[in-house]
């Protein structure tokens, strides 16, 4: 019985203090309550007189041990100091399991639009005109309307150079005049659709002198019959 009276208090005290060590400092009232009950139990082992003193001594020892050895939360973020890698987080800041603020979301990537080329050439090959004529057909005008859509937004800040071209069928002098008439026909239509006349700095014809394909084939000649609009951006 004497061995039991000696060993049991040690076991109970060790259990209480071990449990308190796993708590936070702010849990010292719980430690005090448990220590008080344990102290009363230890005191009653001796006699009833010691039970009251056991409450005081046990509660005080347990509370003090909990405060000294307990795991605190100094910044109040809910993460014990022993695991808090960011111990001075401002109040109200959301934190992760290590007590550190969540990283800010990445800034949205804004892609800068590619700068427009200073110079660009629009090649119009689907404008065929009427046979041996510079007069535009209905389909020709529909094709040129696409060019108008492209040119209108920047027409006031660009300079336009229009050059007509033909294939090699016919006399050189005739093809030269035909290429000029076709270039002017295209310009007149673009102006009628809202492109400022002042935007056109040159309107000319190159005849058959600047082929881009073989004039010996039908496909090649079709490629050579064209109007080119060079855009020079300021």
C-alpha atoms as a PDB file:
ATOM      1  CA  UNK A   1       0.000   0.000   0.000  1.00  0.00           C
ATOM      2  CA  UNK A   2       2.882   2.377   0.815  1.00  0.00           C
ATOM      3  CA  UNK A   3       4.393   1.694  -2.622  1.00  0.00           C
ATOM      4  CA  UNK A   4       1.068   2.538  -4.242  1.00  0.00           C
ATOM      5  CA  UNK A   5       0.823   5.785  -2.296  1.00  0.00           C
ATOM      6  CA  UNK A   6       4.282   6.764  -3.475  1.00  0.00           C
ATOM      7  CA  UNK A   7       4.039   5.696  -7.122  1.00  0.00           C
ATOM      8  CA  UNK A   8       0.493   6.799  -7.899  1.00  0.00           C
ATOM      9  CA  UNK A   9       1.072  10.523  -7.257  1.00  0.00           C
ATOM     10  CA  UNK A  10       4.120  10.479  -9.502  1.00  0.00           C
ATOM     11  CA  UNK A  11       2.164   8.821 -12.275  1.00  0.00           C
ATOM     12  CA  UNK A  12      -0.704  11.274 -11.961  1.00  0.00           C
ATOM     13  CA  UNK A  13       1.568  14.333 -11.839  1.00  0.00           C
ATOM     14  CA  UNK A  14       3.530  13.158 -14.878  1.00  0.00           C
ATOM     15  CA  UNK A  15       0.328  12.550 -16.838  1.00  0.00           C
ATOM     16  CA  UNK A  16      -1.088  15.988 -16.008  1.00  0.00           C
ATOM     17  CA  UNK A  17       2.110  17.857 -16.847  1.00  0.00           C
ATOM     18  CA  UNK A  18       2.602  15.909 -20.072  1.00  0.00           C
ATOM     19  CA  UNK A  19      -0.935  16.759 -21.133  1.00  0.00           C
ATOM     20  CA  UNK A  20      -0.446  20.424 -20.300  1.00  0.00           C
ATOM     21  CA  UNK A  21       2.719  20.563 -22.344  1.00  0.00           C
ATOM     22  CA  UNK A  22       0.677  19.764 -25.448  1.00  0.00           C
ATOM     23  CA  UNK A  23      -1.716  22.653 -24.835  1.00  0.00           C
ATOM     24  CA  UNK A  24      -1.347  26.329 -25.635  1.00  0.00           C
ATOM     25  CA  UNK A  25      -0.479  28.950 -23.049  1.00  0.00           C
ATOM     26  CA  UNK A  26      -3.990  30.315 -23.230  1.00  0.00           C
ATOM     27  CA  UNK A  27      -5.282  26.968 -21.985  1.00  0.00           C
ATOM     28  CA  UNK A  28      -3.821  27.455 -18.516  1.00  0.00           C
ATOM     29  CA  UNK A  29      -7.300  27.550 -16.878  1.00  0.00           C
ATOM     30  CA  UNK A  30      -7.938  24.041 -18.165  1.00  0.00           C
ATOM     31  CA  UNK A  31      -4.574  22.940 -16.801  1.00  0.00           C
ATOM     32  CA  UNK A  32      -5.372  24.508 -13.447  1.00  0.00           C
ATOM     33  CA  UNK A  33      -8.737  22.718 -13.264  1.00  0.00           C
ATOM     34  CA  UNK A  34      -7.258  19.364 -14.163  1.00  0.00           C
ATOM     35  CA  UNK A  35      -4.314  19.956 -11.814  1.00  0.00           C
ATOM     36  CA  UNK A  36      -6.690  20.874  -9.007  1.00  0.00           C
ATOM     37  CA  UNK A  37      -8.712  17.677  -9.423  1.00  0.00           C
ATOM     38  CA  UNK A  38      -5.526  15.664  -9.606  1.00  0.00           C
ATOM     39  CA  UNK A  39      -4.112  17.466  -6.547  1.00  0.00           C
ATOM     40  CA  UNK A  40      -7.268  16.693  -4.593  1.00  0.00           C
ATOM     41  CA  UNK A  41      -6.975  13.062  -5.598  1.00  0.00           C
ATOM     42  CA  UNK A  42      -3.341  12.979  -4.510  1.00  0.00           C
ATOM     43  CA  UNK A  43      -4.164  14.627  -1.192  1.00  0.00           C
ATOM     44  CA  UNK A  44      -7.000  12.229  -0.469  1.00  0.00           C
ATOM     45  CA  UNK A  45      -4.581   9.352  -0.849  1.00  0.00           C
ATOM     46  CA  UNK A  46      -2.916  10.585   2.297  1.00  0.00           C
ATOM     47  CA  UNK A  47      -6.032  11.790   4.140  1.00  0.00           C
ATOM     48  CA  UNK A  48      -8.991  14.120   3.696  1.00  0.00           C
ATOM     49  CA  UNK A  49      -7.116  17.059   5.223  1.00  0.00           C
ATOM     50  CA  UNK A  50      -4.622  17.024   2.374  1.00  0.00           C
ATOM     51  CA  UNK A  51      -7.347  17.109  -0.312  1.00  0.00           C
ATOM     52  CA  UNK A  52      -7.923  20.874  -0.048  1.00  0.00           C
ATOM     53  CA  UNK A  53      -4.227  21.662  -0.175  1.00  0.00           C
ATOM     54  CA  UNK A  54      -3.937  19.284  -3.099  1.00  0.00           C
ATOM     55  CA  UNK A  55      -6.442  21.386  -5.074  1.00  0.00           C
ATOM     56  CA  UNK A  56      -4.406  24.559  -4.565  1.00  0.00           C
ATOM     57  CA  UNK A  57      -1.000  23.050  -5.103  1.00  0.00           C
ATOM     58  CA  UNK A  58      -2.003  20.836  -8.042  1.00  0.00           C
ATOM     59  CA  UNK A  59      -3.932  23.585  -9.805  1.00  0.00           C
ATOM     60  CA  UNK A  60      -1.145  26.125  -9.341  1.00  0.00           C
ATOM     61  CA  UNK A  61       1.612  23.783 -10.491  1.00  0.00           C
ATOM     62  CA  UNK A  62      -0.347  22.627 -13.535  1.00  0.00           C
ATOM     63  CA  UNK A  63      -1.329  26.176 -14.549  1.00  0.00           C
ATOM     64  CA  UNK A  64       2.256  27.431 -14.191  1.00  0.00           C
ATOM     65  CA  UNK A  65       3.649  24.515 -16.134  1.00  0.00           C
ATOM     66  CA  UNK A  66       1.096  25.032 -18.892  1.00  0.00           C
ATOM     67  CA  UNK A  67       2.013  28.716 -19.155  1.00  0.00           C
ATOM     68  CA  UNK A  68       5.754  28.071 -19.250  1.00  0.00           C
ATOM     69  CA  UNK A  69       5.797  24.987 -21.447  1.00  0.00           C
ATOM     70  CA  UNK A  70       2.565  25.403 -23.404  1.00  0.00           C
ATOM     71  CA  UNK A  71       2.612  26.206 -27.093  1.00  0.00           C
ATOM     72  CA  UNK A  72       1.510  29.841 -27.527  1.00  0.00           C
ATOM     73  CA  UNK A  73       0.019  31.748 -30.461  1.00  0.00           C
ATOM     74  CA  UNK A  74       1.567  35.182 -30.129  1.00  0.00           C
ATOM     75  CA  UNK A  75       0.032  36.703 -33.274  1.00  0.00           C
ATOM     76  CA  UNK A  76      -3.361  35.051 -32.792  1.00  0.00           C
ATOM     77  CA  UNK A  77      -3.534  33.558 -36.270  1.00  0.00           C
ATOM     78  CA  UNK A  78      -4.609  30.126 -35.044  1.00  0.00           C
ATOM     79  CA  UNK A  79      -1.244  28.464 -35.692  1.00  0.00           C
ATOM     80  CA  UNK A  80       0.815  27.516 -32.577  1.00  0.00           C
ATOM     81  CA  UNK A  81       4.137  29.318 -32.275  1.00  0.00           C
ATOM     82  CA  UNK A  82       6.040  26.043 -32.596  1.00  0.00           C
ATOM     83  CA  UNK A  83       4.715  25.665 -36.159  1.00  0.00           C
ATOM     84  CA  UNK A  84       4.363  29.346 -37.018  1.00  0.00           C
ATOM     85  CA  UNK A  85       6.989  30.270 -39.617  1.00  0.00           C
ATOM     86  CA  UNK A  86       5.671  33.836 -39.786  1.00  0.00           C
ATOM     87  CA  UNK A  87       5.208  34.722 -36.090  1.00  0.00           C
ATOM     88  CA  UNK A  88       4.316  38.390 -36.538  1.00  0.00           C
ATOM     89  CA  UNK A  89       1.475  38.185 -39.030  1.00  0.00           C
ATOM     90  CA  UNK A  90      -0.860  41.228 -38.796  1.00  0.00           C
ATOM     91  CA  UNK A  91      -4.213  40.528 -37.167  1.00  0.00           C
ATOM     92  CA  UNK A  92      -6.927  39.322 -39.519  1.00  0.00           C
ATOM     93  CA  UNK A  93      -4.537  38.161 -42.234  1.00  0.00           C
ATOM     94  CA  UNK A  94      -5.517  34.755 -43.711  1.00  0.00           C
ATOM     95  CA  UNK A  95      -2.659  32.297 -43.238  1.00  0.00           C
ATOM     96  CA  UNK A  96      -1.761  28.792 -44.361  1.00  0.00           C
ATOM     97  CA  UNK A  97      -0.902  25.798 -42.175  1.00  0.00           C
ATOM     98  CA  UNK A  98       2.561  27.241 -41.441  1.00  0.00           C
ATOM     99  CA  UNK A  99       1.158  30.573 -40.231  1.00  0.00           C
ATOM    100  CA  UNK A 100       2.326  32.522 -43.275  1.00  0.00           C
ATOM    101  CA  UNK A 101       0.059  34.757 -45.373  1.00  0.00           C
ATOM    102  CA  UNK A 102      -1.178  33.260 -48.613  1.00  0.00           C
ATOM    103  CA  UNK A 103       0.815  34.555 -51.574  1.00  0.00           C
ATOM    104  CA  UNK A 104      -0.965  37.233 -53.605  1.00  0.00           C
ATOM    105  CA  UNK A 105      -2.529  36.058 -56.866  1.00  0.00           C
ATOM    106  CA  UNK A 106      -0.277  36.544 -59.875  1.00  0.00           C
ATOM    107  CA  UNK A 107      -0.766  39.778 -61.721  1.00  0.00           C
ATOM    108  CA  UNK A 108      -2.677  39.363 -64.977  1.00  0.00           C
ATOM    109  CA  UNK A 109      -0.453  39.221 -68.007  1.00  0.00           C
ATOM    110  CA  UNK A 110      -1.266  42.026 -70.379  1.00  0.00           C
ATOM    111  CA  UNK A 111       0.056  41.419 -73.833  1.00  0.00           C
ATOM    112  CA  UNK A 112       1.025  44.533 -75.678  1.00  0.00           C
ATOM    113  CA  UNK A 113      -0.326  44.601 -79.209  1.00  0.00           C
ATOM    114  CA  UNK A 114       2.333  44.072 -81.821  1.00  0.00           C
ATOM    115  CA  UNK A 115       3.358  47.353 -83.404  1.00  0.00           C
ATOM    116  CA  UNK A 116       2.059  47.808 -86.928  1.00  0.00           C
ATOM    117  CA  UNK A 117       4.610  47.749 -89.694  1.00  0.00           C
ATOM    118  CA  UNK A 118       5.664  51.174 -90.949  1.00  0.00           C
ATOM    119  CA  UNK A 119       5.054  50.013 -94.487  1.00  0.00           C
ATOM    120  CA  UNK A 120       2.620  47.459 -95.861  1.00  0.00           C
ATOM    121  CA  UNK A 121       1.523  46.486 -99.352  1.00  0.00           C
ATOM    122  CA  UNK A 122      -2.011  45.305-100.139  1.00  0.00           C
ATOM    123  CA  UNK A 123      -2.108  43.300-103.333  1.00  0.00           C
ATOM    124  CA  UNK A 124      -5.533  43.207-105.001  1.00  0.00           C
ATOM    125  CA  UNK A 125      -5.750  40.355-107.482  1.00  0.00           C
ATOM    126  CA  UNK A 126      -9.440  39.531-107.436  1.00  0.00           C
ATOM    127  CA  UNK A 127     -10.388  42.788-109.156  1.00  0.00           C
ATOM    128  CA  UNK A 128     -10.581  41.789-112.818  1.00  0.00           C
ATOM    129  CA  UNK A 129     -12.453  44.746-114.306  1.00  0.00           C
ATOM    130  CA  UNK A 130     -14.544  44.332-117.427  1.00  0.00           C
ATOM    131  CA  UNK A 131     -12.830  43.035-120.541  1.00  0.00           C
ATOM    132  CA  UNK A 132     -10.483  45.634-122.019  1.00  0.00           C
ATOM    133  CA  UNK A 133     -11.828  48.157-119.521  1.00  0.00           C
ATOM    134  CA  UNK A 134     -11.057  49.860-116.228  1.00  0.00           C
ATOM    135  CA  UNK A 135     -14.685  49.792-115.126  1.00  0.00           C
ATOM    136  CA  UNK A 136     -15.318  47.936-111.871  1.00  0.00           C
ATOM    137  CA  UNK A 137     -17.841  45.116-111.750  1.00  0.00           C
ATOM    138  CA  UNK A 138     -20.154  44.320-108.844  1.00  0.00           C
ATOM    139  CA  UNK A 139     -17.869  41.564-107.491  1.00  0.00           C
ATOM    140  CA  UNK A 140     -14.913  43.944-107.876  1.00  0.00           C
ATOM    141  CA  UNK A 141     -16.597  46.491-105.623  1.00  0.00           C
ATOM    142  CA  UNK A 142     -17.387  43.840-103.002  1.00  0.00           C
ATOM    143  CA  UNK A 143     -13.698  42.912-102.969  1.00  0.00           C
ATOM    144  CA  UNK A 144     -12.643  46.544-102.615  1.00  0.00           C
ATOM    145  CA  UNK A 145     -15.081  47.042 -99.738  1.00  0.00           C
ATOM    146  CA  UNK A 146     -12.825  44.744 -97.689  1.00  0.00           C
ATOM    147  CA  UNK A 147      -9.923  47.070 -98.452  1.00  0.00           C
ATOM    148  CA  UNK A 148     -12.003  50.069 -97.361  1.00  0.00           C
ATOM    149  CA  UNK A 149     -12.704  48.377 -94.022  1.00  0.00           C
ATOM    150  CA  UNK A 150      -8.976  47.942 -93.455  1.00  0.00           C
ATOM    151  CA  UNK A 151      -7.926  51.433 -94.568  1.00  0.00           C
ATOM    152  CA  UNK A 152     -10.608  53.617 -92.981  1.00  0.00           C
ATOM    153  CA  UNK A 153      -9.467  53.460 -89.317  1.00  0.00           C
ATOM    154  CA  UNK A 154      -6.003  54.771 -90.134  1.00  0.00           C
ATOM    155  CA  UNK A 155      -6.537  56.641 -93.395  1.00  0.00           C
ATOM    156  CA  UNK A 156      -5.925  60.056 -91.825  1.00  0.00           C
ATOM    157  CA  UNK A 157      -2.452  59.053 -90.587  1.00  0.00           C
ATOM    158  CA  UNK A 158      -1.193  57.108 -93.616  1.00  0.00           C
ATOM    159  CA  UNK A 159       0.032  57.828 -97.102  1.00  0.00           C
ATOM    160  CA  UNK A 160      -1.246  55.566 -99.865  1.00  0.00           C
ATOM    161  CA  UNK A 161       0.551  54.767-103.103  1.00  0.00           C
ATOM    162  CA  UNK A 162      -1.526  52.927-105.740  1.00  0.00           C
ATOM    163  CA  UNK A 163       0.038  51.181-108.736  1.00  0.00           C
ATOM    164  CA  UNK A 164      -1.752  49.260-111.476  1.00  0.00           C
ATOM    165  CA  UNK A 165      -0.194  46.271-113.284  1.00  0.00           C
ATOM    166  CA  UNK A 166      -1.097  44.171-116.346  1.00  0.00           C
ATOM    167  CA  UNK A 167       0.027  40.952-117.946  1.00  0.00           C
ATOM    168  CA  UNK A 168       2.081  40.921-121.166  1.00  0.00           C
ATOM    169  CA  UNK A 169      -0.772  40.373-123.595  1.00  0.00           C
ATOM    170  CA  UNK A 170      -1.022  43.364-125.966  1.00  0.00           C
ATOM    171  CA  UNK A 171       1.226  46.263-126.829  1.00  0.00           C
ATOM    172  CA  UNK A 172       3.407  47.777-124.131  1.00  0.00           C
ATOM    173  CA  UNK A 173       2.071  51.291-124.573  1.00  0.00           C
ATOM    174  CA  UNK A 174      -1.527  50.082-124.422  1.00  0.00           C
ATOM    175  CA  UNK A 175      -0.876  48.049-121.267  1.00  0.00           C
ATOM    176  CA  UNK A 176       0.761  51.066-119.676  1.00  0.00           C
ATOM    177  CA  UNK A 177      -2.339  53.199-120.208  1.00  0.00           C
ATOM    178  CA  UNK A 178      -4.634  50.363-119.114  1.00  0.00           C
ATOM    179  CA  UNK A 179      -2.709  49.897-115.858  1.00  0.00           C
ATOM    180  CA  UNK A 180      -3.006  53.611-115.132  1.00  0.00           C
ATOM    181  CA  UNK A 181      -6.750  53.660-115.786  1.00  0.00           C
ATOM    182  CA  UNK A 182      -7.283  50.670-113.559  1.00  0.00           C
ATOM    183  CA  UNK A 183      -5.264  52.246-110.723  1.00  0.00           C
ATOM    184  CA  UNK A 184      -7.354  55.427-110.947  1.00  0.00           C
ATOM    185  CA  UNK A 185     -10.557  53.401-111.088  1.00  0.00           C
ATOM    186  CA  UNK A 186      -9.654  51.688-107.809  1.00  0.00           C
ATOM    187  CA  UNK A 187      -8.733  54.991-106.159  1.00  0.00           C
ATOM    188  CA  UNK A 188     -11.977  56.646-107.285  1.00  0.00           C
ATOM    189  CA  UNK A 189     -13.991  53.845-105.709  1.00  0.00           C
ATOM    190  CA  UNK A 190     -12.047  53.976-102.428  1.00  0.00           C
ATOM    191  CA  UNK A 191     -12.610  57.734-102.219  1.00  0.00           C
ATOM    192  CA  UNK A 192     -16.327  57.261-102.884  1.00  0.00           C
ATOM    193  CA  UNK A 193     -16.429  54.927 -99.885  1.00  0.00           C
ATOM    194  CA  UNK A 194     -14.883  57.409 -97.473  1.00  0.00           C
ATOM    195  CA  UNK A 195     -11.103  57.196 -97.871  1.00  0.00           C
ATOM    196  CA  UNK A 196      -9.815  60.818 -97.964  1.00  0.00           C
ATOM    197  CA  UNK A 197      -8.423  61.903-101.309  1.00  0.00           C
ATOM    198  CA  UNK A 198      -5.534  63.527 -99.453  1.00  0.00           C
ATOM    199  CA  UNK A 199      -4.368  60.080 -98.297  1.00  0.00           C
ATOM    200  CA  UNK A 200      -3.353  59.162-101.862  1.00  0.00           C
ATOM    201  CA  UNK A 201       0.097  60.556-102.585  1.00  0.00           C
ATOM    202  CA  UNK A 202       0.657  58.678-105.852  1.00  0.00           C
ATOM    203  CA  UNK A 203      -1.544  56.906-108.410  1.00  0.00           C
ATOM    204  CA  UNK A 204       0.276  55.361-111.350  1.00  0.00           C
ATOM    205  CA  UNK A 205       0.556  52.381-113.674  1.00  0.00           C
ATOM    206  CA  UNK A 206       3.501  50.066-114.293  1.00  0.00           C
ATOM    207  CA  UNK A 207       2.012  48.295-117.290  1.00  0.00           C
ATOM    208  CA  UNK A 208       3.571  44.880-117.825  1.00  0.00           C
ATOM    209  CA  UNK A 209       7.012  45.855-116.535  1.00  0.00           C
ATOM    210  CA  UNK A 210       6.787  44.339-113.050  1.00  0.00           C
ATOM    211  CA  UNK A 211       5.452  40.780-113.374  1.00  0.00           C
ATOM    212  CA  UNK A 212       5.315  38.571-110.290  1.00  0.00           C
ATOM    213  CA  UNK A 213       4.629  35.354-112.212  1.00  0.00           C
ATOM    214  CA  UNK A 214       5.274  33.729-115.599  1.00  0.00           C
ATOM    215  CA  UNK A 215       3.241  35.400-118.352  1.00  0.00           C
ATOM    216  CA  UNK A 216       3.422  32.188-120.417  1.00  0.00           C
ATOM    217  CA  UNK A 217       0.689  30.547-118.350  1.00  0.00           C
ATOM    218  CA  UNK A 218      -2.905  31.593-117.716  1.00  0.00           C
ATOM    219  CA  UNK A 219      -2.393  31.358-113.960  1.00  0.00           C
ATOM    220  CA  UNK A 220       0.744  33.471-114.145  1.00  0.00           C
ATOM    221  CA  UNK A 221      -0.958  36.162-116.206  1.00  0.00           C
ATOM    222  CA  UNK A 222      -3.836  36.273-113.703  1.00  0.00           C
ATOM    223  CA  UNK A 223      -1.348  36.979-110.918  1.00  0.00           C
ATOM    224  CA  UNK A 224       0.252  39.764-112.919  1.00  0.00           C
ATOM    225  CA  UNK A 225      -3.079  41.553-113.470  1.00  0.00           C
ATOM    226  CA  UNK A 226      -3.243  43.329-110.149  1.00  0.00           C
ATOM    227  CA  UNK A 227      -3.411  46.611-108.285  1.00  0.00           C
ATOM    228  CA  UNK A 228      -1.060  47.230-105.357  1.00  0.00           C
ATOM    229  CA  UNK A 229      -1.728  49.700-102.540  1.00  0.00           C
ATOM    230  CA  UNK A 230       1.324  50.588-100.479  1.00  0.00           C
ATOM    231  CA  UNK A 231       0.568  51.902 -96.996  1.00  0.00           C
ATOM    232  CA  UNK A 232       3.169  54.175 -95.404  1.00  0.00           C
ATOM    233  CA  UNK A 233       2.346  54.820 -91.748  1.00  0.00           C
ATOM    234  CA  UNK A 234       3.588  57.977 -90.108  1.00  0.00           C
END
